[in-house]
Amino acid sequence: MKLYPLFADLSRRAVLVVGGGAVAERKIAALLGAQAQVTVNAPTLTPQLQRWVAAGRIAHRRDAFQESWLDRVWLVVAATSDVELNRVIATFAGLRRIFVNVVDDAALSSFHVPAVVDRAPLTIAISSGGEAPMLARLLRERLETLLDHSLGALATLAARLRRRIRLRHPDLAARRRFYEGLFAGPVATLLRQGRPEQARQAAEQALAAAPAASTGSVVLVGAGPGDPGLLTLRALRALNEADVILHDRLVSAEVLDLARRDAERIEVGKQAGHHHTTQDGIHALLLQHARAGRRVVRLKGGDPFVFGRGGEELEFLRDHGIPYEVVPGITAAVACAAYAGVPLTHRDHAQSVRFVTAHCQSSRDTLDWAALAQERQTLAVYMGVAELAELRARLIEHGRAPSTPFALIENGSRPEQRVITGTLANLAERAALHAVRSPALLILGEVAALAVSLAWFGQPPLGATVHEIPVPNVARPIRTNALAAVHRA
């Protein structure tokens, strides 16, 4: 984050605006809305600025800018067409540690004026850090259509009741639930309908009602493979309702950033050979927080029911009488294959797909290797980076062709995604050459060759040349630039 967002209280505080044109007029209008005491410095003013001077709403200085004017102001706006004058103003303001905004010059500005959605006292400010102001304005226009104007009245009503709400609901979790009912229930509806007195009465009735007993619950949420854009709407809602979030190691920071800021976050991730928290420990935490009346989100990478022990956790919650629900996520095989341009099924090459995990001896010994070695199917292998040599040996032993293509996808769907391609014969060597690390998913089968020609996200695949992988014939032409990059690798 380049800028630190804050909302400044400028009520009855002195602000200097240098410049008297249309841009200065817009800046001054916003400052007057914040009840600032504005002085404008310019030889000539727009008609509106002249009217404000005549009405005594702003002061006017016609003479040339003087450094001493900055001695008593809290904020400065330089809105002139004189680049050198703007630079001088910014320099003198900086020496006095006064925040200054130089219009259309982000480098000289120590604060930026955001695009604003005004639902007073609720205010939403959007900034691009001065890099793309038109984008900020576009987002403001979209938010204007989404946010009802009654939100201001709702915020005002909540402010009037705030002290009484805190006294009535001293427990933070209970207080959150009350506010959620206030903001999303009948009170908000009545305000949208233009019935403020009935809304006030409904709020008073809700406040007078006996506090409901706190009942904890758990939501098992699939976080997907890492791209926060792949979260479902229900998952996002659960993250913003949670009091406690128990998350896996592989849940991306970008996904966690979407959660409510004041939720308690507990990492319970597991890594091969390094169990930060045992499964029994996770069960104990779920029980502890749910019995304390908290809403718990158990946040898992991918989908909680695909190699995620989600079933075990639900069985535990059921046995202990804890209410629960499940929000599916996009499992790694589906997401990583899609981001690598690999269709898991293709009518010409694979009529089925198998999801497999082979991260330890016990799991490998239970697999039907003869069935896995059959052609015209796709294998999606989870958690198998450390076992690639044995995986290759067993598949070839049971009849899978050494020339079968593979795509090994590291950090699928994330900005650092890498795709390593090759054939089953050189699978382990390719992975070692490119130092592939977890999280990585292996796609093995004829469709994996399409990663060479259908790549669309991130860098082109690494590790194989066009001649080493038998690329299936597809309707789309092969991307020359992608193949050239692959060949160079």
Protein backbone atom coordinates (compact mmCIF):
# COMPACT_ATOMS: atom_id res chain seq x y z
CA MET A 1 0.00 0.00 0.00
CA LYS A 2 1.65 3.19 -1.17
CA LEU A 3 -0.56 5.64 0.75
CA TYR A 4 -1.80 5.52 4.32
CA PRO A 5 -5.55 6.16 4.20
CA LEU A 6 -6.98 8.57 6.76
CA PHE A 7 -9.93 10.94 7.12
CA ALA A 8 -8.93 14.44 8.27
CA ASP A 9 -11.14 16.57 10.52
CA LEU A 10 -10.76 20.05 9.02
CA SER A 11 -13.74 21.63 10.77
CA ARG A 12 -12.87 25.24 11.67
CA ARG A 13 -9.25 24.63 10.65
CA ALA A 14 -7.40 26.94 8.25
CA VAL A 15 -6.70 25.70 4.72
CA LEU A 16 -4.95 27.60 1.93
CA VAL A 17 -5.84 27.04 -1.72
CA VAL A 18 -3.57 28.72 -4.27
CA GLY A 19 -5.33 29.13 -7.60
CA GLY A 20 -8.68 30.56 -8.64
CA GLY A 21 -9.82 28.42 -11.58
CA ALA A 22 -12.29 25.57 -12.04
CA VAL A 23 -10.02 23.00 -10.37
CA ALA A 24 -9.55 25.22 -7.32
CA GLU A 25 -13.31 25.71 -7.20
CA ARG A 26 -13.88 21.94 -7.00
CA LYS A 27 -11.30 21.56 -4.25
CA ILE A 28 -12.79 24.43 -2.26
CA ALA A 29 -16.31 23.04 -2.58
CA ALA A 30 -15.17 19.80 -0.93
CA LEU A 31 -13.31 21.71 1.78
CA LEU A 32 -16.38 23.80 2.55
CA GLY A 33 -18.35 20.59 2.86
CA ALA A 34 -15.85 19.58 5.56
CA GLN A 35 -16.41 23.01 7.25
CA ALA A 36 -12.81 24.10 6.74
CA GLN A 37 -11.85 27.78 6.98
CA VAL A 38 -10.62 28.37 3.43
CA THR A 39 -8.44 31.15 2.10
CA VAL A 40 -8.03 31.30 -1.66
CA ASN A 41 -5.02 33.03 -3.20
CA ALA A 42 -5.34 34.10 -6.86
CA PRO A 43 -5.51 37.36 -8.84
CA THR A 44 -8.79 36.31 -10.47
CA LEU A 45 -11.54 33.94 -9.39
CA THR A 46 -14.31 31.96 -11.06
CA PRO A 47 -17.81 33.42 -10.66
CA GLN A 48 -18.71 30.81 -8.03
CA LEU A 49 -15.59 31.58 -6.01
CA GLN A 50 -16.46 35.28 -6.22
CA ARG A 51 -19.93 34.55 -4.83
CA TRP A 52 -18.45 32.58 -1.94
CA VAL A 53 -16.07 35.48 -1.16
CA ALA A 54 -18.96 37.94 -1.26
CA ALA A 55 -21.01 35.74 1.07
CA GLY A 56 -18.12 35.52 3.52
CA ARG A 57 -17.75 31.75 3.12
CA ILE A 58 -14.09 32.01 2.05
CA ALA A 59 -11.34 34.63 2.38
CA HIS A 60 -9.46 36.00 -0.66
CA ARG A 61 -5.86 37.17 -1.11
CA ARG A 62 -5.04 38.79 -4.45
CA ASP A 63 -1.34 39.48 -3.96
CA ALA A 64 1.48 37.08 -4.82
CA PHE A 65 1.92 33.95 -2.71
CA GLN A 66 3.99 34.47 0.42
CA GLU A 67 5.71 31.76 2.41
CA SER A 68 4.55 33.24 5.73
CA TRP A 69 0.92 32.38 4.87
CA LEU A 70 1.74 28.75 5.65
CA ASP A 71 2.53 29.46 9.29
CA ARG A 72 -1.04 28.96 10.50
CA VAL A 73 -2.64 26.54 8.06
CA TRP A 74 -3.25 22.83 8.44
CA LEU A 75 -3.44 21.95 4.76
CA VAL A 76 -2.40 23.45 1.41
CA VAL A 77 -3.72 22.88 -2.10
CA ALA A 78 -1.68 24.17 -5.05
CA ALA A 79 -4.06 24.41 -8.01
CA THR A 80 -2.32 26.85 -10.35
CA SER A 81 -1.14 26.40 -13.94
CA ASP A 82 2.30 27.69 -12.92
CA VAL A 83 4.49 24.58 -12.47
CA GLU A 84 7.29 26.48 -10.76
CA LEU A 85 4.93 28.18 -8.30
CA ASN A 86 3.39 24.82 -7.44
CA ARG A 87 6.86 23.47 -6.79
CA VAL A 88 7.73 26.39 -4.49
CA ILE A 89 4.50 25.92 -2.51
CA ALA A 90 5.17 22.19 -2.12
CA THR A 91 8.75 22.85 -0.95
CA PHE A 92 7.77 25.41 1.69
CA ALA A 93 4.91 23.20 2.92
CA GLY A 94 7.29 20.26 3.25
CA LEU A 95 9.72 22.31 5.32
CA ARG A 96 6.86 23.05 7.73
CA ARG A 97 5.57 19.45 7.73
CA ILE A 98 2.26 20.63 6.30
CA PHE A 99 0.40 18.26 4.00
CA VAL A 100 0.14 19.62 0.46
CA ASN A 101 -1.74 18.52 -2.63
CA VAL A 102 -0.38 19.71 -5.97
CA VAL A 103 -3.08 19.15 -8.55
CA ASP A 104 -2.06 16.66 -11.26
CA ASP A 105 1.42 16.20 -9.75
CA ALA A 106 1.59 13.14 -7.54
CA ALA A 107 5.36 13.46 -7.03
CA LEU A 108 5.02 16.87 -5.36
CA SER A 109 1.97 15.93 -3.29
CA SER A 110 2.16 14.65 0.27
CA PHE A 111 -1.57 13.85 0.24
CA HIS A 112 -3.99 12.95 -2.53
CA VAL A 113 -7.63 13.92 -2.83
CA PRO A 114 -9.63 10.72 -3.38
CA ALA A 115 -12.76 10.08 -5.35
CA VAL A 116 -15.55 10.13 -2.77
CA VAL A 117 -18.87 8.37 -2.32
CA ASP A 118 -20.77 10.58 0.12
CA ARG A 119 -23.40 8.99 2.35
CA ALA A 120 -22.72 11.30 5.28
CA PRO A 121 -21.72 10.47 7.92
CA LEU A 122 -20.65 7.38 5.96
CA THR A 123 -17.87 8.27 3.52
CA ILE A 124 -16.06 6.01 1.06
CA ALA A 125 -12.81 7.31 -0.41
CA ILE A 126 -11.04 5.73 -3.38
CA SER A 127 -7.48 6.50 -4.37
CA SER A 128 -5.11 5.20 -7.03
CA GLY A 129 -2.16 6.96 -5.39
CA GLY A 130 -2.26 9.58 -8.13
CA GLU A 131 -1.44 6.96 -10.78
CA ALA A 132 -4.87 6.47 -12.37
CA PRO A 133 -7.40 9.06 -11.15
CA MET A 134 -9.86 8.20 -13.92
CA LEU A 135 -9.98 4.60 -12.66
CA ALA A 136 -10.77 5.85 -9.14
CA ARG A 137 -13.59 7.97 -10.57
CA LEU A 138 -14.95 5.01 -12.51
CA LEU A 139 -15.04 2.92 -9.35
CA ARG A 140 -16.80 5.74 -7.52
CA GLU A 141 -19.48 5.84 -10.20
CA ARG A 142 -20.04 2.10 -9.83
CA LEU A 143 -20.28 2.33 -6.05
CA GLU A 144 -22.75 5.20 -6.32
CA THR A 145 -25.17 2.84 -8.08
CA LEU A 146 -24.68 0.08 -5.47
CA LEU A 147 -24.99 2.02 -2.21
CA ASP A 148 -28.43 3.28 -1.23
CA HIS A 149 -28.65 6.86 -0.01
CA SER A 150 -30.43 5.67 3.15
CA LEU A 151 -27.07 4.38 4.45
CA GLY A 152 -26.30 7.86 5.78
CA ALA A 153 -29.46 7.87 7.89
CA LEU A 154 -28.68 4.33 9.07
CA ALA A 155 -25.19 5.39 10.18
CA THR A 156 -26.64 8.42 12.00
CA LEU A 157 -29.17 6.27 13.85
CA ALA A 158 -26.47 3.78 14.85
CA ALA A 159 -24.31 6.64 16.15
CA ARG A 160 -27.16 7.90 18.37
CA LEU A 161 -27.63 4.44 19.85
CA ARG A 162 -23.96 3.49 20.09
CA ARG A 163 -23.43 4.09 23.82
CA ARG A 164 -26.64 2.27 24.76
CA ILE A 165 -25.76 -0.63 22.43
CA ARG A 166 -22.37 -1.03 24.10
CA LEU A 167 -23.99 -1.08 27.54
CA ARG A 168 -26.66 -3.55 26.45
CA HIS A 169 -24.21 -5.85 24.65
CA PRO A 170 -20.82 -5.70 26.42
CA ASP A 171 -19.69 -8.92 24.71
CA LEU A 172 -18.08 -8.05 21.37
CA ALA A 173 -19.47 -11.04 19.46
CA ALA A 174 -23.02 -10.33 20.70
CA ARG A 175 -22.63 -6.67 19.83
CA ARG A 176 -21.56 -7.56 16.29
CA ARG A 177 -24.64 -9.70 15.84
CA PHE A 178 -26.88 -6.87 17.05
CA TYR A 179 -25.32 -4.46 14.58
CA GLU A 180 -25.70 -6.95 11.75
CA GLY A 181 -29.39 -7.27 12.53
CA LEU A 182 -29.69 -3.49 12.72
CA PHE A 183 -27.91 -2.90 9.42
CA ALA A 184 -29.48 -5.75 7.42
CA GLY A 185 -32.92 -6.13 9.01
CA PRO A 186 -36.22 -4.21 9.31
CA VAL A 187 -34.58 -0.97 10.47
CA ALA A 188 -32.55 -0.65 7.26
CA THR A 189 -35.63 -1.57 5.18
CA LEU A 190 -37.77 1.11 6.82
CA LEU A 191 -35.11 3.75 6.16
CA ARG A 192 -34.92 2.73 2.49
CA GLN A 193 -38.70 3.16 2.38
CA GLY A 194 -38.41 6.72 3.70
CA ARG A 195 -39.97 5.94 7.10
CA PRO A 196 -37.40 7.24 9.61
CA GLU A 197 -39.71 7.37 12.66
CA GLN A 198 -40.81 3.76 12.23
CA ALA A 199 -37.14 2.81 11.77
CA ARG A 200 -36.23 4.52 15.04
CA GLN A 201 -39.03 2.70 16.86
CA ALA A 202 -37.91 -0.65 15.43
CA ALA A 203 -34.34 0.04 16.57
CA GLU A 204 -35.55 0.89 20.08
CA GLN A 205 -37.57 -2.33 20.23
CA ALA A 206 -34.58 -4.38 19.15
CA LEU A 207 -32.42 -2.70 21.77
CA ALA A 208 -34.97 -3.34 24.51
CA ALA A 209 -35.30 -7.03 23.65
CA ALA A 210 -33.44 -9.53 25.78
CA PRO A 211 -30.04 -10.41 24.27
CA ALA A 212 -30.16 -13.72 22.46
CA ALA A 213 -27.99 -16.48 23.84
CA SER A 214 -24.73 -16.79 21.95
CA THR A 215 -24.63 -19.93 19.84
CA GLY A 216 -21.34 -20.70 18.18
CA SER A 217 -21.00 -22.35 14.80
CA VAL A 218 -18.41 -23.40 12.25
CA VAL A 219 -18.33 -22.73 8.52
CA LEU A 220 -16.00 -24.95 6.54
CA VAL A 221 -14.82 -22.73 3.66
CA GLY A 222 -12.83 -23.61 0.57
CA ALA A 223 -10.38 -20.83 -0.25
CA GLY A 224 -9.41 -22.09 -3.70
CA PRO A 225 -5.80 -22.33 -4.88
CA GLY A 226 -4.74 -18.74 -4.13
CA ASP A 227 -6.26 -16.23 -6.55
CA PRO A 228 -8.70 -14.24 -4.37
CA GLY A 229 -10.89 -13.68 -7.43
CA LEU A 230 -11.80 -17.38 -7.31
CA LEU A 231 -13.52 -17.12 -3.91
CA THR A 232 -17.28 -17.64 -4.01
CA LEU A 233 -19.59 -14.87 -2.82
CA ARG A 234 -20.72 -17.09 0.05
CA ALA A 235 -17.10 -17.63 1.10
CA LEU A 236 -16.47 -13.87 1.11
CA ARG A 237 -19.58 -13.34 3.24
CA ALA A 238 -18.44 -16.00 5.71
CA LEU A 239 -15.00 -14.36 6.03
CA ASN A 240 -16.65 -11.05 6.85
CA GLU A 241 -18.94 -12.60 9.46
CA ALA A 242 -16.26 -14.62 11.26
CA ASP A 243 -15.09 -13.97 14.80
CA VAL A 244 -12.27 -16.52 14.45
CA ILE A 245 -10.53 -17.87 11.33
CA LEU A 246 -8.55 -21.11 11.50
CA HIS A 247 -6.61 -21.18 8.24
CA ASP A 248 -4.23 -23.53 6.47
CA ARG A 249 -0.65 -22.60 5.61
CA LEU A 250 -1.40 -22.54 1.90
CA VAL A 251 -4.25 -20.03 2.10
CA SER A 252 -2.87 -16.97 0.32
CA ALA A 253 -2.34 -13.63 2.06
CA GLU A 254 -4.55 -12.02 -0.60
CA VAL A 255 -7.47 -14.24 0.44
CA LEU A 256 -6.89 -13.52 4.14
CA ASP A 257 -6.86 -9.79 3.37
CA LEU A 258 -10.53 -10.10 2.39
CA ALA A 259 -11.50 -11.22 5.90
CA ARG A 260 -12.82 -8.91 8.57
CA ARG A 261 -9.94 -6.96 10.04
CA ASP A 262 -10.80 -7.63 13.69
CA ALA A 263 -11.30 -11.38 13.33
CA GLU A 264 -8.83 -13.51 15.27
CA ARG A 265 -6.63 -15.46 12.86
CA ILE A 266 -5.00 -18.74 13.83
CA GLU A 267 -2.69 -20.59 11.46
CA VAL A 268 -3.17 -24.34 11.75
CA GLY A 269 -1.35 -25.36 8.61
CA LYS A 270 0.41 -28.60 7.95
CA GLN A 271 3.49 -29.19 5.85
CA ALA A 272 5.19 -32.48 5.10
CA GLY A 273 7.19 -33.35 8.20
CA HIS A 274 6.23 -30.10 9.98
CA HIS A 275 2.76 -30.20 11.49
CA HIS A 276 2.23 -26.75 12.98
CA THR A 277 -1.01 -28.00 14.54
CA THR A 278 -2.15 -31.63 14.66
CA GLN A 279 -5.60 -32.61 13.44
CA ASP A 280 -6.65 -33.27 17.03
CA GLY A 281 -5.40 -29.81 17.90
CA ILE A 282 -7.52 -28.29 15.13
CA HIS A 283 -10.56 -30.16 16.43
CA ALA A 284 -9.92 -28.81 19.92
CA LEU A 285 -9.69 -25.23 18.65
CA LEU A 286 -12.92 -25.57 16.66
CA LEU A 287 -14.70 -26.86 19.75
CA GLN A 288 -13.21 -24.26 22.08
CA HIS A 289 -14.22 -21.23 20.00
CA ALA A 290 -17.62 -22.54 18.93
CA ARG A 291 -18.58 -23.36 22.54
CA ALA A 292 -17.57 -19.81 23.48
CA GLY A 293 -20.33 -18.56 21.16
CA ARG A 294 -18.06 -17.46 18.32
CA ARG A 295 -18.61 -17.85 14.61
CA VAL A 296 -15.67 -19.83 13.36
CA VAL A 297 -14.46 -20.12 9.77
CA ARG A 298 -12.30 -23.15 9.06
CA LEU A 299 -10.52 -21.87 5.95
CA LYS A 300 -8.91 -24.51 3.77
CA GLY A 301 -6.94 -24.21 0.55
CA GLY A 302 -8.76 -25.58 -2.49
CA ASP A 303 -11.96 -27.44 -1.61
CA PRO A 304 -12.40 -28.80 1.94
CA PHE A 305 -13.82 -32.11 0.69
CA VAL A 306 -10.99 -32.93 -1.75
CA PHE A 307 -8.00 -34.23 0.25
CA GLY A 308 -8.79 -31.61 2.88
CA ARG A 309 -10.00 -33.72 5.83
CA GLY A 310 -13.22 -31.73 5.75
CA GLY A 311 -15.24 -34.87 6.35
CA GLU A 312 -13.28 -35.68 9.50
CA GLU A 313 -13.85 -32.21 10.88
CA LEU A 314 -17.58 -32.32 10.20
CA GLU A 315 -17.84 -35.70 11.90
CA PHE A 316 -16.12 -34.23 14.95
CA LEU A 317 -18.44 -31.19 14.99
CA ARG A 318 -21.51 -33.41 14.59
CA ASP A 319 -20.42 -35.66 17.45
CA HIS A 320 -20.05 -32.61 19.72
CA GLY A 321 -23.31 -30.93 18.71
CA ILE A 322 -21.74 -27.91 16.99
CA PRO A 323 -23.79 -26.38 14.12
CA TYR A 324 -21.88 -26.29 10.84
CA GLU A 325 -22.15 -25.61 7.14
CA VAL A 326 -19.88 -26.04 4.14
CA VAL A 327 -18.90 -23.52 1.46
CA PRO A 328 -17.21 -25.36 -1.43
CA GLY A 329 -14.06 -24.00 -3.02
CA ILE A 330 -12.40 -24.54 -6.38
CA THR A 331 -10.14 -27.52 -5.90
CA ALA A 332 -6.51 -27.24 -6.98
CA ALA A 333 -6.81 -29.70 -9.88
CA VAL A 334 -9.61 -27.74 -11.54
CA ALA A 335 -8.10 -24.31 -10.94
CA CYS A 336 -4.45 -25.10 -11.66
CA ALA A 337 -5.27 -27.00 -14.82
CA ALA A 338 -7.45 -24.14 -16.05
CA TYR A 339 -4.76 -21.54 -15.33
CA ALA A 340 -2.23 -23.70 -17.16
CA GLY A 341 -4.49 -24.05 -20.19
CA VAL A 342 -4.98 -27.79 -19.64
CA PRO A 343 -8.50 -29.23 -20.03
CA LEU A 344 -8.85 -32.11 -17.60
CA THR A 345 -11.08 -33.91 -20.09
CA HIS A 346 -11.10 -33.69 -23.88
CA ARG A 347 -13.30 -35.75 -26.17
CA ASP A 348 -10.30 -36.67 -28.34
CA HIS A 349 -7.84 -37.49 -25.56
CA ALA A 350 -9.37 -38.13 -22.12
CA GLN A 351 -12.87 -39.22 -21.16
CA SER A 352 -12.23 -39.34 -17.39
CA VAL A 353 -10.13 -37.72 -14.70
CA ARG A 354 -8.84 -39.15 -11.43
CA PHE A 355 -7.86 -37.12 -8.37
CA VAL A 356 -5.02 -38.84 -6.51
CA THR A 357 -2.85 -38.11 -3.49
CA ALA A 358 0.45 -39.94 -3.05
CA HIS A 359 2.33 -38.08 -0.35
CA CYS A 360 3.24 -41.04 1.86
CA GLN A 361 3.89 -44.77 1.69
CA SER A 362 0.51 -45.73 3.16
CA SER A 363 -1.40 -43.68 0.60
CA ARG A 364 0.68 -45.07 -2.29
CA ASP A 365 0.08 -48.66 -1.24
CA THR A 366 -3.70 -48.24 -1.36
CA LEU A 367 -3.80 -46.98 -4.96
CA ASP A 368 -4.96 -49.12 -7.89
CA TRP A 369 -1.87 -48.59 -10.03
CA ALA A 370 -3.15 -50.72 -12.91
CA ALA A 371 -6.23 -48.54 -13.21
CA LEU A 372 -4.19 -45.34 -12.88
CA ALA A 373 -1.85 -46.46 -15.67
CA GLN A 374 -4.62 -46.77 -18.26
CA GLU A 375 -4.52 -44.48 -21.28
CA ARG A 376 -7.05 -41.85 -22.36
CA GLN A 377 -7.57 -40.58 -18.84
CA THR A 378 -6.10 -37.70 -16.86
CA LEU A 379 -4.40 -38.05 -13.49
CA ALA A 380 -4.39 -35.05 -11.14
CA VAL A 381 -1.87 -35.82 -8.41
CA TYR A 382 -1.96 -33.75 -5.20
CA MET A 383 0.91 -33.45 -2.72
CA GLY A 384 3.24 -35.63 -4.73
CA VAL A 385 6.28 -33.43 -5.42
CA ALA A 386 8.57 -35.48 -3.17
CA GLU A 387 7.40 -38.79 -4.68
CA LEU A 388 7.70 -38.15 -8.41
CA ALA A 389 10.39 -40.78 -9.07
CA GLU A 390 8.39 -43.56 -7.42
CA LEU A 391 5.18 -42.36 -9.04
CA ARG A 392 6.84 -42.59 -12.44
CA ALA A 393 8.27 -46.05 -11.72
CA ARG A 394 4.95 -47.51 -10.62
CA LEU A 395 2.99 -46.07 -13.53
CA ILE A 396 5.48 -47.31 -16.13
CA GLU A 397 5.63 -50.68 -14.38
CA HIS A 398 1.85 -51.01 -14.78
CA GLY A 399 1.82 -50.04 -18.43
CA ARG A 400 1.71 -46.27 -18.70
CA ALA A 401 3.80 -45.11 -21.68
CA PRO A 402 7.02 -43.22 -20.79
CA SER A 403 6.09 -40.71 -23.53
CA THR A 404 2.90 -39.65 -21.68
CA PRO A 405 2.92 -35.83 -21.35
CA PHE A 406 2.81 -34.10 -17.97
CA ALA A 407 2.31 -30.56 -16.70
CA LEU A 408 3.62 -29.78 -13.22
CA ILE A 409 1.99 -26.59 -11.94
CA GLU A 410 3.62 -24.73 -9.06
CA ASN A 411 1.68 -21.97 -7.26
CA GLY A 412 -1.21 -22.38 -9.65
CA SER A 413 -3.44 -19.29 -10.20
CA ARG A 414 -1.01 -17.02 -8.32
CA PRO A 415 1.20 -14.33 -9.88
CA GLU A 416 4.28 -16.55 -9.33
CA GLN A 417 2.74 -19.53 -11.14
CA ARG A 418 5.19 -21.79 -13.01
CA VAL A 419 4.32 -24.64 -15.36
CA ILE A 420 6.93 -27.34 -16.05
CA THR A 421 6.19 -29.66 -18.96
CA GLY A 422 7.75 -32.87 -20.22
CA THR A 423 7.04 -36.58 -20.45
CA LEU A 424 6.65 -39.24 -17.81
CA ALA A 425 10.12 -40.55 -18.67
CA ASN A 426 11.82 -37.35 -17.46
CA LEU A 427 9.27 -36.20 -14.85
CA ALA A 428 11.51 -36.34 -11.76
CA GLU A 429 14.52 -34.86 -13.57
CA ARG A 430 12.51 -31.91 -14.93
CA ALA A 431 11.10 -31.17 -11.49
CA ALA A 432 14.57 -31.30 -9.92
CA LEU A 433 16.09 -29.14 -12.68
CA HIS A 434 13.56 -26.38 -12.04
CA ALA A 435 13.55 -26.85 -8.24
CA VAL A 436 9.80 -27.32 -8.04
CA ARG A 437 8.43 -26.81 -4.52
CA SER A 438 5.08 -27.22 -2.83
CA PRO A 439 2.38 -26.20 -3.51
CA ALA A 440 2.52 -27.97 -6.85
CA LEU A 441 0.06 -30.20 -8.67
CA LEU A 442 0.84 -32.79 -11.32
CA ILE A 443 -1.38 -33.25 -14.37
CA LEU A 444 -0.48 -36.44 -16.26
CA GLY A 445 -2.09 -37.58 -19.48
CA GLU A 446 -2.48 -36.74 -23.14
CA VAL A 447 -4.25 -33.45 -22.33
CA ALA A 448 -1.16 -32.18 -20.47
CA ALA A 449 0.53 -31.56 -23.83
CA LEU A 450 -1.99 -28.78 -24.44
CA ALA A 451 -0.21 -26.65 -21.84
CA VAL A 452 2.35 -25.91 -24.56
CA SER A 453 -0.20 -24.46 -26.97
CA LEU A 454 -3.04 -23.18 -24.77
CA ALA A 455 -1.05 -21.31 -22.10
CA TRP A 456 -2.73 -18.00 -21.26
CA PHE A 457 -1.79 -17.08 -17.67
CA GLY A 458 1.65 -16.07 -16.43
CA GLN A 459 4.85 -17.14 -18.12
CA PRO A 460 4.95 -19.80 -20.87
CA PRO A 461 5.67 -23.38 -19.76
CA LEU A 462 9.24 -24.34 -18.90
CA GLY A 463 11.29 -27.44 -19.43
CA ALA A 464 10.14 -29.04 -22.68
CA THR A 465 10.61 -28.45 -26.37
CA VAL A 466 7.97 -28.86 -29.01
CA HIS A 467 9.69 -32.02 -30.30
CA GLU A 468 9.77 -33.70 -26.88
CA ILE A 469 6.02 -33.58 -26.22
CA PRO A 470 3.51 -35.07 -28.67
CA VAL A 471 1.11 -32.12 -28.91
CA PRO A 472 -2.44 -33.26 -29.79
CA ASN A 473 -4.11 -31.72 -32.80
CA VAL A 474 -6.54 -29.04 -31.68
CA ALA A 475 -8.66 -26.57 -33.56
CA ARG A 476 -6.74 -23.54 -32.35
CA PRO A 477 -3.35 -22.73 -33.89
CA ILE A 478 -0.32 -23.09 -31.65
CA ARG A 479 0.87 -19.78 -30.21
CA THR A 480 4.23 -19.15 -31.84
CA ASN A 481 5.56 -16.88 -29.13
CA ALA A 482 4.66 -19.35 -26.36
CA LEU A 483 6.32 -22.25 -28.16
CA ALA A 484 9.42 -20.24 -28.86
CA ALA A 485 9.73 -19.39 -25.18
CA VAL A 486 9.22 -23.03 -24.22
CA HIS A 487 11.88 -24.16 -26.72
CA ARG A 488 14.37 -21.68 -25.30
CA ALA A 489 13.77 -23.07 -21.82
